[in-house]
Each structure stands twice: as structure tokens, then as C-alpha cells.
Amino acid sequence: MESGCPVQHWGVDIRVNGERVLTIESNCLSGIDNIADYADTVRECAHHLLAFIGDGVAEPQDTMELDPTPNKPMVSASQIAAECGLPF
């Protein structure tokens, strides 16, 4: 991909044991019915993405909460899609 080209579309797939469990794209958000079973894996993937490119926040990394609270309520992919006006 040529550097400096405008981004027209982006996408990220999360696979577990070779099977796609979640797809997030600029115009799409979809996951398997039991995506909650893979919540820890999805969070780990998100942490890896941030570790790869950084989070763009000027704060030192050690002051940020990287691990979610264990009993924090989860938001489903369908809720996110509805809030963003995306089909799910």
C-alpha cells in the first residue's frame, strides 16, 4: 500500500483457532452469537493493536488502565452497532 493514500476502508478480523469470531470494519461490525465467550481474547487483541501502533494519548503508558475491571459490564457488538447506526 502506498504511503499517504487516503484511507477509504479499513477492517480487522479476530480469529480464534482459525475461525473468525469478530469483524470490525469502517462500514461493518459483526460477531458470532457467543462472542461474549471470547471477551478476554478480544480485549487481548485490542491491547496488541494498541501496543503495535500506540494509543495516541500523550499520557505515560503506566498511568493508563490497560486491564478492564473484571466485573465491568460488557457492551455487546449489537449495542455498539446500534449506537453507531450500523447494521448488525
PDB file of N, CA and C in Angstrom:
ATOM      1  N   MET A   1       0.841  -1.166   0.000  1.00  0.00           N
ATOM      2  CA  MET A   1       0.000   0.000   0.000  1.00  0.00           C
ATOM      3  C   MET A   1       0.892   1.238   0.000  1.00  0.00           C
ATOM      4  N   GLU A   2       0.572   2.169  -0.823  1.00  0.00           N
ATOM      5  CA  GLU A   2       1.358   3.384  -0.954  1.00  0.00           C
ATOM      6  C   GLU A   2       1.089   4.319   0.225  1.00  0.00           C
ATOM      7  N   SER A   3       2.147   4.795   0.847  1.00  0.00           N
ATOM      8  CA  SER A   3       2.031   5.719   1.976  1.00  0.00           C
ATOM      9  C   SER A   3       1.421   7.031   1.514  1.00  0.00           C
ATOM     10  N   GLY A   4       0.543   7.583   2.327  1.00  0.00           N
ATOM     11  CA  GLY A   4      -0.069   8.859   2.008  1.00  0.00           C
ATOM     12  C   GLY A   4      -1.379   8.754   1.254  1.00  0.00           C
ATOM     13  N   CYS A   5      -1.740   7.549   0.810  1.00  0.00           N
ATOM     14  CA  CYS A   5      -3.017   7.373   0.135  1.00  0.00           C
ATOM     15  C   CYS A   5      -4.149   7.554   1.142  1.00  0.00           C
ATOM     16  N   PRO A   6      -5.228   8.219   0.761  1.00  0.00           N
ATOM     17  CA  PRO A   6      -6.338   8.371   1.694  1.00  0.00           C
ATOM     18  C   PRO A   6      -6.972   7.006   2.000  1.00  0.00           C
ATOM     19  N   VAL A   7      -7.326   6.806   3.249  1.00  0.00           N
ATOM     20  CA  VAL A   7      -7.953   5.553   3.663  1.00  0.00           C
ATOM     21  C   VAL A   7      -9.424   5.605   3.272  1.00  0.00           C
ATOM     22  N   GLN A   8      -9.848   4.665   2.464  1.00  0.00           N
ATOM     23  CA  GLN A   8     -11.239   4.594   2.047  1.00  0.00           C
ATOM     24  C   GLN A   8     -11.990   3.511   2.808  1.00  0.00           C
ATOM     25  N   HIS A   9     -11.261   2.521   3.292  1.00  0.00           N
ATOM     26  CA  HIS A   9     -11.884   1.410   4.007  1.00  0.00           C
ATOM     27  C   HIS A   9     -10.822   0.742   4.867  1.00  0.00           C
ATOM     28  N   TRP A  10     -11.217   0.286   6.039  1.00  0.00           N
ATOM     29  CA  TRP A  10     -10.303  -0.463   6.897  1.00  0.00           C
ATOM     30  C   TRP A  10     -11.076  -1.602   7.533  1.00  0.00           C
ATOM     31  N   GLY A  11     -10.358  -2.623   7.983  1.00  0.00           N
ATOM     32  CA  GLY A  11     -11.019  -3.756   8.618  1.00  0.00           C
ATOM     33  C   GLY A  11     -10.062  -4.554   9.473  1.00  0.00           C
ATOM     34  N   VAL A  12     -10.627  -5.159  10.511  1.00  0.00           N
ATOM     35  CA  VAL A  12      -9.878  -6.024  11.417  1.00  0.00           C
ATOM     36  C   VAL A  12     -10.730  -7.259  11.680  1.00  0.00           C
ATOM     37  N   ASP A  13     -10.151  -8.423  11.492  1.00  0.00           N
ATOM     38  CA  ASP A  13     -10.808  -9.682  11.851  1.00  0.00           C
ATOM     39  C   ASP A  13     -10.104 -10.268  13.053  1.00  0.00           C
ATOM     40  N   ILE A  14     -10.872 -10.824  13.967  1.00  0.00           N
ATOM     41  CA  ILE A  14     -10.300 -11.572  15.082  1.00  0.00           C
ATOM     42  C   ILE A  14     -10.684 -13.026  14.871  1.00  0.00           C
ATOM     43  N   ARG A  15      -9.669 -13.866  14.864  1.00  0.00           N
ATOM     44  CA  ARG A  15      -9.877 -15.312  14.674  1.00  0.00           C
ATOM     45  C   ARG A  15      -9.387 -16.044  15.900  1.00  0.00           C
ATOM     46  N   VAL A  16     -10.118 -17.072  16.269  1.00  0.00           N
ATOM     47  CA  VAL A  16      -9.733 -17.943  17.379  1.00  0.00           C
ATOM     48  C   VAL A  16      -9.612 -19.345  16.802  1.00  0.00           C
ATOM     49  N   ASN A  17      -8.434 -19.912  16.911  1.00  0.00           N
ATOM     50  CA  ASN A  17      -8.170 -21.250  16.352  1.00  0.00           C
ATOM     51  C   ASN A  17      -8.557 -21.322  14.871  1.00  0.00           C
ATOM     52  N   GLY A  18      -8.299 -20.232  14.155  1.00  0.00           N
ATOM     53  CA  GLY A  18      -8.562 -20.195  12.716  1.00  0.00           C
ATOM     54  C   GLY A  18      -9.970 -19.811  12.322  1.00  0.00           C
ATOM     55  N   GLU A  19     -10.880 -19.702  13.284  1.00  0.00           N
ATOM     56  CA  GLU A  19     -12.273 -19.362  12.988  1.00  0.00           C
ATOM     57  C   GLU A  19     -12.518 -17.893  13.308  1.00  0.00           C
ATOM     58  N   ARG A  20     -13.126 -17.166  12.364  1.00  0.00           N
ATOM     59  CA  ARG A  20     -13.417 -15.754  12.592  1.00  0.00           C
ATOM     60  C   ARG A  20     -14.533 -15.627  13.630  1.00  0.00           C
ATOM     61  N   VAL A  21     -14.272 -14.841  14.694  1.00  0.00           N
ATOM     62  CA  VAL A  21     -15.282 -14.614  15.722  1.00  0.00           C
ATOM     63  C   VAL A  21     -15.777 -13.173  15.724  1.00  0.00           C
ATOM     64  N   LEU A  22     -14.993 -12.245  15.155  1.00  0.00           N
ATOM     65  CA  LEU A  22     -15.384 -10.839  15.163  1.00  0.00           C
ATOM     66  C   LEU A  22     -14.779 -10.138  13.954  1.00  0.00           C
ATOM     67  N   THR A  23     -15.578  -9.316  13.303  1.00  0.00           N
ATOM     68  CA  THR A  23     -15.114  -8.478  12.204  1.00  0.00           C
ATOM     69  C   THR A  23     -15.509  -7.049  12.515  1.00  0.00           C
ATOM     70  N   ILE A  24     -14.527  -6.165  12.478  1.00  0.00           N
ATOM     71  CA  ILE A  24     -14.774  -4.740  12.663  1.00  0.00           C
ATOM     72  C   ILE A  24     -14.209  -4.044  11.439  1.00  0.00           C
ATOM     73  N   GLU A  25     -15.058  -3.323  10.721  1.00  0.00           N
ATOM     74  CA  GLU A  25     -14.635  -2.600   9.536  1.00  0.00           C
ATOM     75  C   GLU A  25     -15.204  -1.186   9.588  1.00  0.00           C
ATOM     76  N   SER A  26     -14.740  -0.348   8.682  1.00  0.00           N
ATOM     77  CA  SER A  26     -15.220   1.032   8.655  1.00  0.00           C
ATOM     78  C   SER A  26     -16.718   1.109   8.396  1.00  0.00           C
ATOM     79  N   ASN A  27     -17.288   0.092   7.792  1.00  0.00           N
ATOM     80  CA  ASN A  27     -18.720   0.097   7.498  1.00  0.00           C
ATOM     81  C   ASN A  27     -19.430  -1.163   7.982  1.00  0.00           C
ATOM     82  N   CYS A  28     -18.825  -1.900   8.915  1.00  0.00           N
ATOM     83  CA  CYS A  28     -19.389  -3.185   9.319  1.00  0.00           C
ATOM     84  C   CYS A  28     -18.922  -3.550  10.724  1.00  0.00           C
ATOM     85  N   LEU A  29     -19.796  -4.162  11.478  1.00  0.00           N
ATOM     86  CA  LEU A  29     -19.458  -4.700  12.786  1.00  0.00           C
ATOM     87  C   LEU A  29     -20.262  -5.979  12.941  1.00  0.00           C
ATOM     88  N   SER A  30     -19.579  -7.112  13.047  1.00  0.00           N
ATOM     89  CA  SER A  30     -20.308  -8.365  13.201  1.00  0.00           C
ATOM     90  C   SER A  30     -19.485  -9.350  14.020  1.00  0.00           C
ATOM     91  N   GLY A  31     -20.193 -10.180  14.748  1.00  0.00           N
ATOM     92  CA  GLY A  31     -19.542 -11.193  15.564  1.00  0.00           C
ATOM     93  C   GLY A  31     -20.425 -12.416  15.684  1.00  0.00           C
ATOM     94  N   ILE A  32     -19.828 -13.492  16.122  1.00  0.00           N
ATOM     95  CA  ILE A  32     -20.593 -14.717  16.310  1.00  0.00           C
ATOM     96  C   ILE A  32     -21.546 -14.523  17.487  1.00  0.00           C
ATOM     97  N   ASP A  33     -22.584 -15.367  17.533  1.00  0.00           N
ATOM     98  CA  ASP A  33     -23.615 -15.238  18.572  1.00  0.00           C
ATOM     99  C   ASP A  33     -23.036 -15.287  19.980  1.00  0.00           C
ATOM    100  N   ASN A  34     -22.062 -16.140  20.196  1.00  0.00           N
ATOM    101  CA  ASN A  34     -21.495 -16.298  21.539  1.00  0.00           C
ATOM    102  C   ASN A  34     -20.190 -15.523  21.697  1.00  0.00           C
ATOM    103  N   ILE A  35     -20.128 -14.306  21.129  1.00  0.00           N
ATOM    104  CA  ILE A  35     -18.904 -13.503  21.184  1.00  0.00           C
ATOM    105  C   ILE A  35     -18.479 -13.244  22.623  1.00  0.00           C
ATOM    106  N   ALA A  36     -19.412 -13.180  23.557  1.00  0.00           N
ATOM    107  CA  ALA A  36     -19.069 -12.940  24.967  1.00  0.00           C
ATOM    108  C   ALA A  36     -18.141 -14.025  25.505  1.00  0.00           C
ATOM    109  N   ASP A  37     -18.214 -15.216  24.942  1.00  0.00           N
ATOM    110  CA  ASP A  37     -17.317 -16.297  25.364  1.00  0.00           C
ATOM    111  C   ASP A  37     -15.852 -15.971  25.052  1.00  0.00           C
ATOM    112  N   TYR A  38     -15.628 -15.038  24.150  1.00  0.00           N
ATOM    113  CA  TYR A  38     -14.281 -14.683  23.720  1.00  0.00           C
ATOM    114  C   TYR A  38     -13.899 -13.263  24.149  1.00  0.00           C
ATOM    115  N   ALA A  39     -14.573 -12.722  25.141  1.00  0.00           N
ATOM    116  CA  ALA A  39     -14.336 -11.341  25.578  1.00  0.00           C
ATOM    117  C   ALA A  39     -12.868 -11.106  25.941  1.00  0.00           C
ATOM    118  N   ASP A  40     -12.272 -12.015  26.696  1.00  0.00           N
ATOM    119  CA  ASP A  40     -10.873 -11.843  27.089  1.00  0.00           C
ATOM    120  C   ASP A  40      -9.948 -11.843  25.876  1.00  0.00           C
ATOM    121  N   THR A  41     -10.236 -12.677  24.913  1.00  0.00           N
ATOM    122  CA  THR A  41      -9.419 -12.754  23.702  1.00  0.00           C
ATOM    123  C   THR A  41      -9.554 -11.474  22.882  1.00  0.00           C
ATOM    124  N   VAL A  42     -10.767 -10.946  22.764  1.00  0.00           N
ATOM    125  CA  VAL A  42     -10.985  -9.703  22.019  1.00  0.00           C
ATOM    126  C   VAL A  42     -10.236  -8.563  22.701  1.00  0.00           C
ATOM    127  N   ARG A  43     -10.294  -8.497  24.020  1.00  0.00           N
ATOM    128  CA  ARG A  43      -9.563  -7.455  24.745  1.00  0.00           C
ATOM    129  C   ARG A  43      -8.054  -7.601  24.543  1.00  0.00           C
ATOM    130  N   GLU A  44      -7.565  -8.828  24.565  1.00  0.00           N
ATOM    131  CA  GLU A  44      -6.140  -9.055  24.345  1.00  0.00           C
ATOM    132  C   GLU A  44      -5.731  -8.584  22.946  1.00  0.00           C
ATOM    133  N   CYS A  45      -6.571  -8.848  21.964  1.00  0.00           N
ATOM    134  CA  CYS A  45      -6.291  -8.375  20.604  1.00  0.00           C
ATOM    135  C   CYS A  45      -6.242  -6.851  20.562  1.00  0.00           C
ATOM    136  N   ALA A  46      -7.175  -6.208  21.244  1.00  0.00           N
ATOM    137  CA  ALA A  46      -7.187  -4.741  21.285  1.00  0.00           C
ATOM    138  C   ALA A  46      -5.902  -4.215  21.933  1.00  0.00           C
ATOM    139  N   HIS A  47      -5.470  -4.862  23.008  1.00  0.00           N
ATOM    140  CA  HIS A  47      -4.216  -4.448  23.660  1.00  0.00           C
ATOM    141  C   HIS A  47      -3.031  -4.602  22.717  1.00  0.00           C
ATOM    142  N   HIS A  48      -3.017  -5.666  21.933  1.00  0.00           N
ATOM    143  CA  HIS A  48      -1.927  -5.879  20.978  1.00  0.00           C
ATOM    144  C   HIS A  48      -1.930  -4.808  19.889  1.00  0.00           C
ATOM    145  N   LEU A  49      -3.125  -4.428  19.410  1.00  0.00           N
ATOM    146  CA  LEU A  49      -3.199  -3.358  18.412  1.00  0.00           C
ATOM    147  C   LEU A  49      -2.647  -2.058  18.980  1.00  0.00           C
ATOM    148  N   LEU A  50      -3.033  -1.727  20.194  1.00  0.00           N
ATOM    149  CA  LEU A  50      -2.528  -0.502  20.822  1.00  0.00           C
ATOM    150  C   LEU A  50      -1.024  -0.582  21.056  1.00  0.00           C
ATOM    151  N   ALA A  51      -0.537  -1.739  21.450  1.00  0.00           N
ATOM    152  CA  ALA A  51       0.896  -1.903  21.681  1.00  0.00           C
ATOM    153  C   ALA A  51       1.681  -1.751  20.374  1.00  0.00           C
ATOM    154  N   PHE A  52       1.089  -2.173  19.282  1.00  0.00           N
ATOM    155  CA  PHE A  52       1.763  -2.114  17.990  1.00  0.00           C
ATOM    156  C   PHE A  52       1.912  -0.686  17.491  1.00  0.00           C
ATOM    157  N   ILE A  53       0.846   0.097  17.591  1.00  0.00           N
ATOM    158  CA  ILE A  53       0.838   1.428  16.985  1.00  0.00           C
ATOM    159  C   ILE A  53       0.781   2.553  18.009  1.00  0.00           C
ATOM    160  N   GLY A  54       0.457   2.233  19.253  1.00  0.00           N
ATOM    161  CA  GLY A  54       0.300   3.261  20.284  1.00  0.00           C
ATOM    162  C   GLY A  54      -1.133   3.740  20.336  1.00  0.00           C
ATOM    163  N   ASP A  55      -1.450   4.420  21.416  1.00  0.00           N
ATOM    164  CA  ASP A  55      -2.837   4.863  21.588  1.00  0.00           C
ATOM    165  C   ASP A  55      -3.045   6.330  21.241  1.00  0.00           C
ATOM    166  N   GLY A  56      -1.974   7.036  20.898  1.00  0.00           N
ATOM    167  CA  GLY A  56      -2.102   8.431  20.519  1.00  0.00           C
ATOM    168  C   GLY A  56      -2.338   9.380  21.674  1.00  0.00           C
ATOM    169  N   VAL A  57      -2.294   8.879  22.895  1.00  0.00           N
ATOM    170  CA  VAL A  57      -2.505   9.700  24.084  1.00  0.00           C
ATOM    171  C   VAL A  57      -1.150  10.131  24.606  1.00  0.00           C
ATOM    172  N   ALA A  58      -1.042  11.390  25.011  1.00  0.00           N
ATOM    173  CA  ALA A  58       0.231  11.924  25.471  1.00  0.00           C
ATOM    174  C   ALA A  58       0.620  11.445  26.865  1.00  0.00           C
ATOM    175  N   GLU A  59      -0.329  10.869  27.626  1.00  0.00           N
ATOM    176  CA  GLU A  59      -0.027  10.401  28.983  1.00  0.00           C
ATOM    177  C   GLU A  59       0.962   9.239  28.945  1.00  0.00           C
ATOM    178  N   PRO A  60       1.804   9.137  29.957  1.00  0.00           N
ATOM    179  CA  PRO A  60       2.680   7.963  30.046  1.00  0.00           C
ATOM    180  C   PRO A  60       1.846   6.688  30.147  1.00  0.00           C
ATOM    181  N   GLN A  61       2.315   5.635  29.529  1.00  0.00           N
ATOM    182  CA  GLN A  61       1.581   4.374  29.483  1.00  0.00           C
ATOM    183  C   GLN A  61       1.265   3.816  30.867  1.00  0.00           C
ATOM    184  N   ASP A  62       2.164   4.023  31.847  1.00  0.00           N
ATOM    185  CA  ASP A  62       1.958   3.404  33.152  1.00  0.00           C
ATOM    186  C   ASP A  62       0.844   4.057  33.964  1.00  0.00           C
ATOM    187  N   THR A  63       0.302   5.184  33.525  1.00  0.00           N
ATOM    188  CA  THR A  63      -0.803   5.804  34.249  1.00  0.00           C
ATOM    189  C   THR A  63      -2.158   5.396  33.701  1.00  0.00           C
ATOM    190  N   MET A  64      -2.157   4.652  32.610  1.00  0.00           N
ATOM    191  CA  MET A  64      -3.418   4.259  31.994  1.00  0.00           C
ATOM    192  C   MET A  64      -3.866   2.905  32.503  1.00  0.00           C
ATOM    193  N   GLU A  65      -5.176   2.718  32.607  1.00  0.00           N
ATOM    194  CA  GLU A  65      -5.719   1.418  32.972  1.00  0.00           C
ATOM    195  C   GLU A  65      -5.797   0.574  31.703  1.00  0.00           C
ATOM    196  N   LEU A  66      -4.981  -0.454  31.643  1.00  0.00           N
ATOM    197  CA  LEU A  66      -4.973  -1.307  30.458  1.00  0.00           C
ATOM    198  C   LEU A  66      -5.892  -2.500  30.596  1.00  0.00           C
ATOM    199  N   ASP A  67      -6.065  -3.003  31.801  1.00  0.00           N
ATOM    200  CA  ASP A  67      -6.918  -4.169  32.010  1.00  0.00           C
ATOM    201  C   ASP A  67      -8.266  -3.716  32.539  1.00  0.00           C
ATOM    202  N   PRO A  68      -9.358  -4.131  31.881  1.00  0.00           N
ATOM    203  CA  PRO A  68     -10.677  -3.732  32.357  1.00  0.00           C
ATOM    204  C   PRO A  68     -10.980  -4.368  33.708  1.00  0.00           C
ATOM    205  N   THR A  69     -11.831  -3.713  34.471  1.00  0.00           N
ATOM    206  CA  THR A  69     -12.270  -4.267  35.739  1.00  0.00           C
ATOM    207  C   THR A  69     -12.978  -5.583  35.461  1.00  0.00           C
ATOM    208  N   PRO A  70     -12.659  -6.664  36.212  1.00  0.00           N
ATOM    209  CA  PRO A  70     -13.240  -7.968  35.922  1.00  0.00           C
ATOM    210  C   PRO A  70     -14.765  -7.990  35.902  1.00  0.00           C
ATOM    211  N   ASN A  71     -15.408  -7.199  36.736  1.00  0.00           N
ATOM    212  CA  ASN A  71     -16.871  -7.223  36.796  1.00  0.00           C
ATOM    213  C   ASN A  71     -17.514  -6.069  36.043  1.00  0.00           C
ATOM    214  N   LYS A  72     -16.755  -5.418  35.193  1.00  0.00           N
ATOM    215  CA  LYS A  72     -17.277  -4.311  34.405  1.00  0.00           C
ATOM    216  C   LYS A  72     -18.303  -4.854  33.416  1.00  0.00           C
ATOM    217  N   PRO A  73     -19.476  -4.208  33.295  1.00  0.00           N
ATOM    218  CA  PRO A  73     -20.482  -4.727  32.352  1.00  0.00           C
ATOM    219  C   PRO A  73     -19.959  -4.687  30.920  1.00  0.00           C
ATOM    220  N   MET A  74     -20.239  -5.732  30.173  1.00  0.00           N
ATOM    221  CA  MET A  74     -19.820  -5.795  28.773  1.00  0.00           C
ATOM    222  C   MET A  74     -20.862  -5.129  27.889  1.00  0.00           C
ATOM    223  N   VAL A  75     -20.412  -4.546  26.825  1.00  0.00           N
ATOM    224  CA  VAL A  75     -21.301  -3.993  25.816  1.00  0.00           C
ATOM    225  C   VAL A  75     -21.254  -4.943  24.639  1.00  0.00           C
ATOM    226  N   SER A  76     -22.409  -5.348  24.164  1.00  0.00           N
ATOM    227  CA  SER A  76     -22.435  -6.307  23.057  1.00  0.00           C
ATOM    228  C   SER A  76     -22.143  -5.604  21.740  1.00  0.00           C
ATOM    229  N   ALA A  77     -21.712  -6.382  20.779  1.00  0.00           N
ATOM    230  CA  ALA A  77     -21.424  -5.847  19.451  1.00  0.00           C
ATOM    231  C   ALA A  77     -22.684  -5.252  18.834  1.00  0.00           C
ATOM    232  N   SER A  78     -23.849  -5.857  19.096  1.00  0.00           N
ATOM    233  CA  SER A  78     -25.094  -5.325  18.539  1.00  0.00           C
ATOM    234  C   SER A  78     -25.432  -3.972  19.153  1.00  0.00           C
ATOM    235  N   GLN A  79     -25.124  -3.767  20.442  1.00  0.00           N
ATOM    236  CA  GLN A  79     -25.345  -2.473  21.075  1.00  0.00           C
ATOM    237  C   GLN A  79     -24.457  -1.408  20.437  1.00  0.00           C
ATOM    238  N   ILE A  80     -23.194  -1.749  20.207  1.00  0.00           N
ATOM    239  CA  ILE A  80     -22.273  -0.806  19.582  1.00  0.00           C
ATOM    240  C   ILE A  80     -22.753  -0.469  18.177  1.00  0.00           C
ATOM    241  N   ALA A  81     -23.144  -1.489  17.426  1.00  0.00           N
ATOM    242  CA  ALA A  81     -23.623  -1.265  16.064  1.00  0.00           C
ATOM    243  C   ALA A  81     -24.842  -0.352  16.062  1.00  0.00           C
ATOM    244  N   ALA A  82     -25.784  -0.591  16.984  1.00  0.00           N
ATOM    245  CA  ALA A  82     -26.994   0.233  17.062  1.00  0.00           C
ATOM    246  C   ALA A  82     -26.635   1.677  17.401  1.00  0.00           C
ATOM    247  N   GLU A  83     -25.729   1.877  18.334  1.00  0.00           N
ATOM    248  CA  GLU A  83     -25.322   3.228  18.729  1.00  0.00           C
ATOM    249  C   GLU A  83     -24.638   3.961  17.571  1.00  0.00           C
ATOM    250  N   CYS A  84     -23.958   3.210  16.726  1.00  0.00           N
ATOM    251  CA  CYS A  84     -23.249   3.817  15.600  1.00  0.00           C
ATOM    252  C   CYS A  84     -24.096   3.862  14.328  1.00  0.00           C
ATOM    253  N   GLY A  85     -25.320   3.350  14.423  1.00  0.00           N
ATOM    254  CA  GLY A  85     -26.186   3.333  13.250  1.00  0.00           C
ATOM    255  C   GLY A  85     -25.761   2.344  12.196  1.00  0.00           C
ATOM    256  N   LEU A  86     -25.069   1.267  12.630  1.00  0.00           N
ATOM    257  CA  LEU A  86     -24.586   0.263  11.687  1.00  0.00           C
ATOM    258  C   LEU A  86     -25.466  -0.977  11.742  1.00  0.00           C
ATOM    259  N   PRO A  87     -25.600  -1.687  10.622  1.00  0.00           N
ATOM    260  CA  PRO A  87     -26.343  -2.953  10.645  1.00  0.00           C
ATOM    261  C   PRO A  87     -25.548  -4.001  11.394  1.00  0.00           C
ATOM    262  N   PHE A  88     -26.216  -4.900  12.032  1.00  0.00           N
ATOM    263  CA  PHE A  88     -25.532  -5.983  12.730  1.00  0.00           C
ATOM    264  C   PHE A  88     -26.229  -7.277  12.444  1.00  0.00           C
TER     265      PHE A  88
END
